Amino acid sequence: MPRETAKIHPLFAVPNPAQDVPEREFYDAPESVDEPEVCPLCYGSGMEIIAGKGARACNCRKQKTHSNLIEKARIPKRYTDCHFHSYRVMNPSQERAFRFASRLTMEYPAVERGLLFMGTVGVGKTHLAVSILKGLTERGFSCLFYEFGALLKEIQGSYNTVSQTSELKVLAPVFDSDILVLDEIGASKPTDWVRDTMAHIINTRYNDKKLTIFTTNYLDERCTERDETLEDRIGVRLRSRLFEMSKTVMLNGEDFRRTFDHVTPIKKR
């Protein structure tokens, strides 16, 4: 059989580029991938060259470091907008608390004690505590936020045999962070285990000279006979320890949440 007329098995047939065949049928070229944006100041090196002065850390690195610190701080999304500039001062006690919080943020680590924000619900205690954390993360310090009841649940969860965590793993960042916020101490039912766990956390940070910020809805004095004090909730010895490691700052005022208008008016047609 003449070579020109021999039949070629389709498996070994070579496409003819001259034919009207889409290019990707015989060469599947990879689609173009957008390259990541490179900082125009340091070109991805992390160091910015300053003419006549040398090199310094680029702002892009500082921003990335700050973002990582904020993420590690575990600040709940509910408090994303909480900062000093968004805090509303409504009375002298809140103004005084604001001054203490902002001064600590500026002067740390040259401070000897943390703060205990004490007052009824909705007066801005957690707002100020979170503002301190954000201000100190901007300065490069490691910070951590925990609502005390949530921390207790994580520790209890570590006792589960199928849990992938341990008590030591849960508590390690609590012990190691430069600044810790323990929100709503005294809110959990004061069992022996709760008090022992609280004492373990607070005493460890006290001995290591780590700064701790506390918030609580319980006061040191009863307004009525039915009221419980902070000492009732956490015990005499632990309340005494808090006097030594944090300055008590009282906040008064109305619950700011009551000012929210949750009712959408119905438009008349």
C-alpha atoms as a PDB file:
ATOM      1  CA  MET A   1       0.000   0.000   0.000  1.00  0.00           C
ATOM      2  CA  PRO A   2       1.415   3.413  -0.964  1.00  0.00           C
ATOM      3  CA  ARG A   3       2.630   5.397   2.052  1.00  0.00           C
ATOM      4  CA  GLU A   4       0.486   8.405   1.129  1.00  0.00           C
ATOM      5  CA  THR A   5      -2.722   6.366   1.166  1.00  0.00           C
ATOM      6  CA  ALA A   6      -1.983   4.313   4.277  1.00  0.00           C
ATOM      7  CA  LYS A   7      -4.546   4.701   7.016  1.00  0.00           C
ATOM      8  CA  ILE A   8      -3.220   6.015  10.338  1.00  0.00           C
ATOM      9  CA  HIS A   9      -4.828   4.926  13.562  1.00  0.00           C
ATOM     10  CA  PRO A  10      -6.498   7.902  15.270  1.00  0.00           C
ATOM     11  CA  LEU A  11      -4.433   7.282  18.425  1.00  0.00           C
ATOM     12  CA  PHE A  12      -1.235   8.200  16.558  1.00  0.00           C
ATOM     13  CA  ALA A  13      -2.677  10.927  14.406  1.00  0.00           C
ATOM     14  CA  VAL A  14      -0.976  14.322  14.718  1.00  0.00           C
ATOM     15  CA  PRO A  15      -3.242  17.371  14.458  1.00  0.00           C
ATOM     16  CA  ASN A  16      -2.551  19.613  11.518  1.00  0.00           C
ATOM     17  CA  PRO A  17      -2.002  23.180  12.702  1.00  0.00           C
ATOM     18  CA  ALA A  18      -3.132  24.405   9.322  1.00  0.00           C
ATOM     19  CA  GLN A  19      -6.584  23.079   9.987  1.00  0.00           C
ATOM     20  CA  ASP A  20      -9.142  25.210  11.797  1.00  0.00           C
ATOM     21  CA  VAL A  21      -8.608  23.573  15.201  1.00  0.00           C
ATOM     22  CA  PRO A  22      -8.635  25.568  18.465  1.00  0.00           C
ATOM     23  CA  GLU A  23      -5.138  25.840  19.870  1.00  0.00           C
ATOM     24  CA  ARG A  24      -6.097  24.570  23.334  1.00  0.00           C
ATOM     25  CA  GLU A  25      -7.200  21.224  21.806  1.00  0.00           C
ATOM     26  CA  PHE A  26      -3.593  20.193  21.236  1.00  0.00           C
ATOM     27  CA  TYR A  27      -1.850  22.349  23.853  1.00  0.00           C
ATOM     28  CA  ASP A  28      -3.598  23.062  27.102  1.00  0.00           C
ATOM     29  CA  ALA A  29      -1.716  26.180  28.181  1.00  0.00           C
ATOM     30  CA  PRO A  30      -2.221  27.173  31.823  1.00  0.00           C
ATOM     31  CA  GLU A  31      -4.398  30.153  32.462  1.00  0.00           C
ATOM     32  CA  SER A  32      -2.608  33.307  33.541  1.00  0.00           C
ATOM     33  CA  VAL A  33      -2.462  33.801  37.296  1.00  0.00           C
ATOM     34  CA  ASP A  34      -2.497  37.250  38.786  1.00  0.00           C
ATOM     35  CA  GLU A  35       0.739  37.872  40.607  1.00  0.00           C
ATOM     36  CA  PRO A  36       0.447  39.080  44.204  1.00  0.00           C
ATOM     37  CA  GLU A  37       0.812  42.809  44.662  1.00  0.00           C
ATOM     38  CA  VAL A  38       4.279  43.894  45.710  1.00  0.00           C
ATOM     39  CA  CYS A  39       4.843  46.849  47.992  1.00  0.00           C
ATOM     40  CA  PRO A  40       6.224  49.690  45.855  1.00  0.00           C
ATOM     41  CA  LEU A  41       8.417  50.892  48.753  1.00  0.00           C
ATOM     42  CA  CYS A  42      10.263  47.723  49.755  1.00  0.00           C
ATOM     43  CA  TYR A  43       9.436  45.433  46.777  1.00  0.00           C
ATOM     44  CA  GLY A  44       8.482  42.634  49.141  1.00  0.00           C
ATOM     45  CA  SER A  45      11.717  42.699  51.154  1.00  0.00           C
ATOM     46  CA  GLY A  46      10.125  44.249  54.240  1.00  0.00           C
ATOM     47  CA  MET A  47      12.873  46.891  54.432  1.00  0.00           C
ATOM     48  CA  GLU A  48      12.471  50.385  53.021  1.00  0.00           C
ATOM     49  CA  ILE A  49      15.593  52.214  51.801  1.00  0.00           C
ATOM     50  CA  ILE A  50      15.765  55.857  52.888  1.00  0.00           C
ATOM     51  CA  ALA A  51      18.154  57.945  50.820  1.00  0.00           C
ATOM     52  CA  GLY A  52      21.070  59.179  52.925  1.00  0.00           C
ATOM     53  CA  LYS A  53      19.829  57.398  56.068  1.00  0.00           C
ATOM     54  CA  GLY A  54      19.833  53.660  55.375  1.00  0.00           C
ATOM     55  CA  ALA A  55      17.134  51.026  55.796  1.00  0.00           C
ATOM     56  CA  ARG A  56      14.151  50.743  58.119  1.00  0.00           C
ATOM     57  CA  ALA A  57      11.194  48.406  58.554  1.00  0.00           C
ATOM     58  CA  CYS A  58       8.592  49.118  55.891  1.00  0.00           C
ATOM     59  CA  ASN A  59       5.063  50.142  56.840  1.00  0.00           C
ATOM     60  CA  CYS A  60       3.689  47.104  55.005  1.00  0.00           C
ATOM     61  CA  ARG A  61       5.517  44.840  57.461  1.00  0.00           C
ATOM     62  CA  LYS A  62       4.250  46.848  60.412  1.00  0.00           C
ATOM     63  CA  GLN A  63       0.670  46.590  59.126  1.00  0.00           C
ATOM     64  CA  LYS A  64       0.994  42.833  58.643  1.00  0.00           C
ATOM     65  CA  THR A  65       2.459  42.412  62.124  1.00  0.00           C
ATOM     66  CA  HIS A  66      -0.373  44.469  63.634  1.00  0.00           C
ATOM     67  CA  SER A  67      -2.993  42.404  61.773  1.00  0.00           C
ATOM     68  CA  ASN A  68      -1.448  39.198  63.106  1.00  0.00           C
ATOM     69  CA  LEU A  69      -1.414  40.541  66.668  1.00  0.00           C
ATOM     70  CA  ILE A  70      -5.053  41.631  66.424  1.00  0.00           C
ATOM     71  CA  GLU A  71      -6.034  38.180  65.178  1.00  0.00           C
ATOM     72  CA  LYS A  72      -4.138  36.456  67.993  1.00  0.00           C
ATOM     73  CA  ALA A  73      -5.787  38.748  70.553  1.00  0.00           C
ATOM     74  CA  ARG A  74      -9.123  36.930  69.954  1.00  0.00           C
ATOM     75  CA  ILE A  75     -11.167  40.113  70.270  1.00  0.00           C
ATOM     76  CA  PRO A  76     -14.803  39.196  69.462  1.00  0.00           C
ATOM     77  CA  LYS A  77     -16.298  40.663  66.289  1.00  0.00           C
ATOM     78  CA  ARG A  78     -18.884  42.394  68.462  1.00  0.00           C
ATOM     79  CA  TYR A  79     -16.126  44.785  69.567  1.00  0.00           C
ATOM     80  CA  THR A  80     -14.587  45.460  66.162  1.00  0.00           C
ATOM     81  CA  ASP A  81     -15.482  49.158  66.314  1.00  0.00           C
ATOM     82  CA  CYS A  82     -14.411  49.641  69.935  1.00  0.00           C
ATOM     83  CA  HIS A  83     -11.500  52.063  70.262  1.00  0.00           C
ATOM     84  CA  PHE A  84     -10.678  55.161  72.252  1.00  0.00           C
ATOM     85  CA  HIS A  85     -11.923  57.459  69.496  1.00  0.00           C
ATOM     86  CA  SER A  86     -15.354  55.778  69.489  1.00  0.00           C
ATOM     87  CA  TYR A  87     -15.849  55.795  73.274  1.00  0.00           C
ATOM     88  CA  ARG A  88     -18.692  58.062  74.395  1.00  0.00           C
ATOM     89  CA  VAL A  89     -18.040  59.945  77.631  1.00  0.00           C
ATOM     90  CA  MET A  90     -21.394  60.699  79.286  1.00  0.00           C
ATOM     91  CA  ASN A  91     -20.410  61.529  82.869  1.00  0.00           C
ATOM     92  CA  PRO A  92     -17.377  62.283  85.093  1.00  0.00           C
ATOM     93  CA  SER A  93     -16.853  58.632  86.098  1.00  0.00           C
ATOM     94  CA  GLN A  94     -16.562  57.572  82.452  1.00  0.00           C
ATOM     95  CA  GLU A  95     -14.213  60.479  81.744  1.00  0.00           C
ATOM     96  CA  ARG A  96     -12.017  59.401  84.651  1.00  0.00           C
ATOM     97  CA  ALA A  97     -12.019  55.784  83.439  1.00  0.00           C
ATOM     98  CA  PHE A  98     -11.121  56.957  79.937  1.00  0.00           C
ATOM     99  CA  ARG A  99      -8.109  58.878  81.296  1.00  0.00           C
ATOM    100  CA  PHE A 100      -6.850  55.867  83.252  1.00  0.00           C
ATOM    101  CA  ALA A 101      -7.235  53.566  80.233  1.00  0.00           C
ATOM    102  CA  SER A 102      -5.542  55.901  77.742  1.00  0.00           C
ATOM    103  CA  ARG A 103      -2.707  56.713  80.169  1.00  0.00           C
ATOM    104  CA  LEU A 104      -1.999  53.025  80.780  1.00  0.00           C
ATOM    105  CA  THR A 105      -1.935  52.407  77.018  1.00  0.00           C
ATOM    106  CA  MET A 106       0.598  55.190  76.469  1.00  0.00           C
ATOM    107  CA  GLU A 107       2.826  54.451  79.485  1.00  0.00           C
ATOM    108  CA  TYR A 108       2.996  50.638  79.352  1.00  0.00           C
ATOM    109  CA  PRO A 109       5.288  48.840  80.192  1.00  0.00           C
ATOM    110  CA  ALA A 110       6.260  51.502  82.755  1.00  0.00           C
ATOM    111  CA  VAL A 111       3.186  50.683  84.852  1.00  0.00           C
ATOM    112  CA  GLU A 112       2.951  48.661  88.038  1.00  0.00           C
ATOM    113  CA  ARG A 113      -0.716  47.654  88.068  1.00  0.00           C
ATOM    114  CA  GLY A 114      -3.509  46.837  85.685  1.00  0.00           C
ATOM    115  CA  LEU A 115      -7.094  48.082  85.909  1.00  0.00           C
ATOM    116  CA  LEU A 116     -10.329  46.657  87.257  1.00  0.00           C
ATOM    117  CA  PHE A 117     -13.291  48.323  85.550  1.00  0.00           C
ATOM    118  CA  MET A 118     -16.243  47.954  87.895  1.00  0.00           C
ATOM    119  CA  GLY A 119     -19.817  49.033  87.254  1.00  0.00           C
ATOM    120  CA  THR A 120     -23.281  48.009  86.173  1.00  0.00           C
ATOM    121  CA  VAL A 121     -24.062  46.741  82.679  1.00  0.00           C
ATOM    122  CA  GLY A 122     -23.766  48.989  79.659  1.00  0.00           C
ATOM    123  CA  VAL A 123     -21.468  51.712  81.023  1.00  0.00           C
ATOM    124  CA  GLY A 124     -18.506  51.004  78.706  1.00  0.00           C
ATOM    125  CA  LYS A 125     -16.234  48.726  80.736  1.00  0.00           C
ATOM    126  CA  THR A 126     -15.499  46.238  77.963  1.00  0.00           C
ATOM    127  CA  HIS A 127     -15.207  49.041  75.403  1.00  0.00           C
ATOM    128  CA  LEU A 128     -12.334  50.573  77.367  1.00  0.00           C
ATOM    129  CA  ALA A 129     -10.670  47.205  77.994  1.00  0.00           C
ATOM    130  CA  VAL A 130     -10.727  46.390  74.268  1.00  0.00           C
ATOM    131  CA  SER A 131      -9.449  49.886  73.465  1.00  0.00           C
ATOM    132  CA  ILE A 132      -6.420  49.206  75.654  1.00  0.00           C
ATOM    133  CA  LEU A 133      -5.745  45.944  73.828  1.00  0.00           C
ATOM    134  CA  LYS A 134      -5.989  47.575  70.418  1.00  0.00           C
ATOM    135  CA  GLY A 135      -3.766  50.447  71.451  1.00  0.00           C
ATOM    136  CA  LEU A 136      -1.095  48.090  72.785  1.00  0.00           C
ATOM    137  CA  THR A 137      -1.200  45.783  69.755  1.00  0.00           C
ATOM    138  CA  GLU A 138      -0.506  48.856  67.638  1.00  0.00           C
ATOM    139  CA  ARG A 139       2.617  49.290  69.756  1.00  0.00           C
ATOM    140  CA  GLY A 140       3.645  45.681  69.078  1.00  0.00           C
ATOM    141  CA  PHE A 141       2.713  43.978  72.362  1.00  0.00           C
ATOM    142  CA  SER A 142       1.007  40.588  72.488  1.00  0.00           C
ATOM    143  CA  CYS A 143      -2.523  40.860  73.875  1.00  0.00           C
ATOM    144  CA  LEU A 144      -5.350  38.441  74.596  1.00  0.00           C
ATOM    145  CA  PHE A 145      -9.068  38.858  75.293  1.00  0.00           C
ATOM    146  CA  TYR A 146     -11.163  36.279  77.135  1.00  0.00           C
ATOM    147  CA  GLU A 147     -14.647  36.431  78.541  1.00  0.00           C
ATOM    148  CA  PHE A 148     -14.061  34.496  81.740  1.00  0.00           C
ATOM    149  CA  GLY A 149     -17.048  32.176  81.336  1.00  0.00           C
ATOM    150  CA  ALA A 150     -15.907  31.232  77.808  1.00  0.00           C
ATOM    151  CA  LEU A 151     -12.404  30.500  79.104  1.00  0.00           C
ATOM    152  CA  LEU A 152     -13.817  28.177  81.755  1.00  0.00           C
ATOM    153  CA  LYS A 153     -15.785  26.287  79.095  1.00  0.00           C
ATOM    154  CA  GLU A 154     -12.654  25.843  76.978  1.00  0.00           C
ATOM    155  CA  ILE A 155     -10.808  24.451  79.974  1.00  0.00           C
ATOM    156  CA  GLN A 156     -13.685  22.099  80.760  1.00  0.00           C
ATOM    157  CA  GLY A 157     -13.761  21.013  77.102  1.00  0.00           C
ATOM    158  CA  SER A 158     -10.100  20.045  77.330  1.00  0.00           C
ATOM    159  CA  TYR A 159     -11.038  17.334  79.850  1.00  0.00           C
ATOM    160  CA  ASN A 160     -13.051  15.529  77.164  1.00  0.00           C
ATOM    161  CA  THR A 161     -11.281  12.332  76.070  1.00  0.00           C
ATOM    162  CA  VAL A 162     -11.978  13.063  72.385  1.00  0.00           C
ATOM    163  CA  SER A 163     -10.827  16.662  72.636  1.00  0.00           C
ATOM    164  CA  GLN A 164      -7.796  17.686  70.580  1.00  0.00           C
ATOM    165  CA  THR A 165      -6.729  20.206  73.228  1.00  0.00           C
ATOM    166  CA  SER A 166      -5.390  20.044  76.763  1.00  0.00           C
ATOM    167  CA  GLU A 167      -5.733  22.371  79.738  1.00  0.00           C
ATOM    168  CA  LEU A 168      -2.093  23.396  79.336  1.00  0.00           C
ATOM    169  CA  LYS A 169      -2.650  24.251  75.667  1.00  0.00           C
ATOM    170  CA  VAL A 170      -5.671  26.407  76.551  1.00  0.00           C
ATOM    171  CA  LEU A 171      -3.922  28.213  79.390  1.00  0.00           C
ATOM    172  CA  ALA A 172      -0.511  28.718  77.740  1.00  0.00           C
ATOM    173  CA  PRO A 173      -1.493  31.901  75.822  1.00  0.00           C
ATOM    174  CA  VAL A 174      -3.391  33.142  78.903  1.00  0.00           C
ATOM    175  CA  PHE A 175      -0.193  32.894  80.935  1.00  0.00           C
ATOM    176  CA  ASP A 176       2.191  34.123  78.211  1.00  0.00           C
ATOM    177  CA  SER A 177       0.478  37.160  76.686  1.00  0.00           C
ATOM    178  CA  ASP A 178       1.902  40.539  77.662  1.00  0.00           C
ATOM    179  CA  ILE A 179      -1.562  41.936  78.391  1.00  0.00           C
ATOM    180  CA  LEU A 180      -4.675  39.917  79.226  1.00  0.00           C
ATOM    181  CA  VAL A 181      -8.258  41.115  79.467  1.00  0.00           C
ATOM    182  CA  LEU A 182     -10.484  38.944  81.645  1.00  0.00           C
ATOM    183  CA  ASP A 183     -13.999  40.156  80.923  1.00  0.00           C
ATOM    184  CA  GLU A 184     -16.895  39.647  83.352  1.00  0.00           C
ATOM    185  CA  ILE A 185     -15.089  38.035  86.262  1.00  0.00           C
ATOM    186  CA  GLY A 186     -17.531  36.906  88.904  1.00  0.00           C
ATOM    187  CA  ALA A 187     -20.263  36.171  86.367  1.00  0.00           C
ATOM    188  CA  SER A 188     -19.751  32.385  86.525  1.00  0.00           C
ATOM    189  CA  LYS A 189     -21.288  30.402  89.355  1.00  0.00           C
ATOM    190  CA  PRO A 190     -18.730  30.517  92.201  1.00  0.00           C
ATOM    191  CA  THR A 191     -17.998  26.814  92.667  1.00  0.00           C
ATOM    192  CA  ASP A 192     -14.748  25.604  94.239  1.00  0.00           C
ATOM    193  CA  TRP A 193     -13.430  24.605  90.800  1.00  0.00           C
ATOM    194  CA  VAL A 194     -14.223  28.030  89.329  1.00  0.00           C
ATOM    195  CA  ARG A 195     -12.479  29.834  92.172  1.00  0.00           C
ATOM    196  CA  ASP A 196      -9.468  27.518  92.063  1.00  0.00           C
ATOM    197  CA  THR A 197      -9.136  27.991  88.297  1.00  0.00           C
ATOM    198  CA  MET A 198      -9.475  31.750  88.603  1.00  0.00           C
ATOM    199  CA  ALA A 199      -6.892  31.831  91.379  1.00  0.00           C
ATOM    200  CA  HIS A 200      -4.490  29.714  89.295  1.00  0.00           C
ATOM    201  CA  ILE A 201      -4.729  32.116  86.340  1.00  0.00           C
ATOM    202  CA  ILE A 202      -4.506  35.319  88.339  1.00  0.00           C
ATOM    203  CA  ASN A 203      -1.735  34.121  90.681  1.00  0.00           C
ATOM    204  CA  THR A 204       0.370  32.886  87.763  1.00  0.00           C
ATOM    205  CA  ARG A 205       0.163  36.238  85.986  1.00  0.00           C
ATOM    206  CA  TYR A 206       0.736  38.053  89.281  1.00  0.00           C
ATOM    207  CA  ASN A 207       3.920  36.082  89.984  1.00  0.00           C
ATOM    208  CA  ASP A 208       5.167  36.629  86.412  1.00  0.00           C
ATOM    209  CA  LYS A 209       4.388  40.373  86.657  1.00  0.00           C
ATOM    210  CA  LYS A 210       2.075  40.248  83.625  1.00  0.00           C
ATOM    211  CA  LEU A 211      -0.420  43.081  83.183  1.00  0.00           C
ATOM    212  CA  THR A 212      -4.077  42.087  83.495  1.00  0.00           C
ATOM    213  CA  ILE A 213      -7.225  44.135  82.842  1.00  0.00           C
ATOM    214  CA  PHE A 214     -10.459  43.013  84.514  1.00  0.00           C
ATOM    215  CA  THR A 215     -14.101  43.969  84.084  1.00  0.00           C
ATOM    216  CA  THR A 216     -16.960  43.056  86.394  1.00  0.00           C
ATOM    217  CA  ASN A 217     -20.616  43.916  86.948  1.00  0.00           C
ATOM    218  CA  TYR A 218     -20.306  43.187  90.671  1.00  0.00           C
ATOM    219  CA  LEU A 219     -19.507  46.011  93.086  1.00  0.00           C
ATOM    220  CA  ASP A 220     -17.633  46.064  96.374  1.00  0.00           C
ATOM    221  CA  GLU A 221     -20.684  47.300  98.276  1.00  0.00           C
ATOM    222  CA  ARG A 222     -24.268  46.101  98.283  1.00  0.00           C
ATOM    223  CA  CYS A 223     -26.930  48.458  97.001  1.00  0.00           C
ATOM    224  CA  THR A 224     -29.640  46.202  98.427  1.00  0.00           C
ATOM    225  CA  GLU A 225     -29.632  43.232 100.801  1.00  0.00           C
ATOM    226  CA  ARG A 226     -30.101  40.843  97.886  1.00  0.00           C
ATOM    227  CA  ASP A 227     -27.068  42.085  95.968  1.00  0.00           C
ATOM    228  CA  GLU A 228     -23.868  40.058  95.871  1.00  0.00           C
ATOM    229  CA  THR A 229     -20.497  41.773  96.008  1.00  0.00           C
ATOM    230  CA  LEU A 230     -17.443  40.886  93.939  1.00  0.00           C
ATOM    231  CA  GLU A 231     -15.947  39.392  97.083  1.00  0.00           C
ATOM    232  CA  ASP A 232     -18.985  37.104  97.398  1.00  0.00           C
ATOM    233  CA  ARG A 233     -18.420  35.871  93.846  1.00  0.00           C
ATOM    234  CA  ILE A 234     -14.646  35.340  93.793  1.00  0.00           C
ATOM    235  CA  GLY A 235     -13.704  34.981  97.453  1.00  0.00           C
ATOM    236  CA  VAL A 236     -11.923  37.141 100.014  1.00  0.00           C
ATOM    237  CA  ARG A 237      -8.343  36.155  99.154  1.00  0.00           C
ATOM    238  CA  LEU A 238      -8.729  36.640  95.414  1.00  0.00           C
ATOM    239  CA  ARG A 239     -10.403  40.020  95.867  1.00  0.00           C
ATOM    240  CA  SER A 240      -7.478  41.035  98.053  1.00  0.00           C
ATOM    241  CA  ARG A 241      -5.059  39.969  95.312  1.00  0.00           C
ATOM    242  CA  LEU A 242      -6.912  42.098  92.772  1.00  0.00           C
ATOM    243  CA  PHE A 243      -6.497  45.164  94.986  1.00  0.00           C
ATOM    244  CA  GLU A 244      -2.746  44.675  94.741  1.00  0.00           C
ATOM    245  CA  MET A 245      -2.431  43.916  91.010  1.00  0.00           C
ATOM    246  CA  SER A 246      -5.041  46.314  89.580  1.00  0.00           C
ATOM    247  CA  LYS A 247      -6.501  49.727  90.311  1.00  0.00           C
ATOM    248  CA  THR A 248     -10.278  49.676  90.787  1.00  0.00           C
ATOM    249  CA  VAL A 249     -12.022  52.173  88.493  1.00  0.00           C
ATOM    250  CA  MET A 250     -15.734  52.711  89.043  1.00  0.00           C
ATOM    251  CA  LEU A 251     -18.027  53.576  86.139  1.00  0.00           C
ATOM    252  CA  ASN A 252     -21.539  54.891  86.636  1.00  0.00           C
ATOM    253  CA  GLY A 253     -24.306  55.756  84.244  1.00  0.00           C
ATOM    254  CA  GLU A 254     -27.247  54.387  82.338  1.00  0.00           C
ATOM    255  CA  ASP A 255     -27.082  51.314  80.140  1.00  0.00           C
ATOM    256  CA  PHE A 256     -26.095  52.701  76.723  1.00  0.00           C
ATOM    257  CA  ARG A 257     -27.814  49.757  75.038  1.00  0.00           C
ATOM    258  CA  ARG A 258     -31.157  51.201  76.098  1.00  0.00           C
ATOM    259  CA  THR A 259     -30.551  54.048  73.667  1.00  0.00           C
ATOM    260  CA  PHE A 260     -30.651  51.678  70.698  1.00  0.00           C
ATOM    261  CA  ASP A 261     -33.843  51.907  68.705  1.00  0.00           C
ATOM    262  CA  HIS A 262     -34.652  48.349  67.692  1.00  0.00           C
ATOM    263  CA  VAL A 263     -38.113  49.160  66.355  1.00  0.00           C
ATOM    264  CA  THR A 264     -38.324  50.050  62.688  1.00  0.00           C
ATOM    265  CA  PRO A 265     -41.189  52.495  62.117  1.00  0.00           C
ATOM    266  CA  ILE A 266     -43.832  51.433  59.611  1.00  0.00           C
ATOM    267  CA  LYS A 267     -44.117  53.817  56.739  1.00  0.00           C
ATOM    268  CA  LYS A 268     -47.635  54.986  56.008  1.00  0.00           C
ATOM    269  CA  ARG A 269     -48.786  54.608  52.437  1.00  0.00           C
END
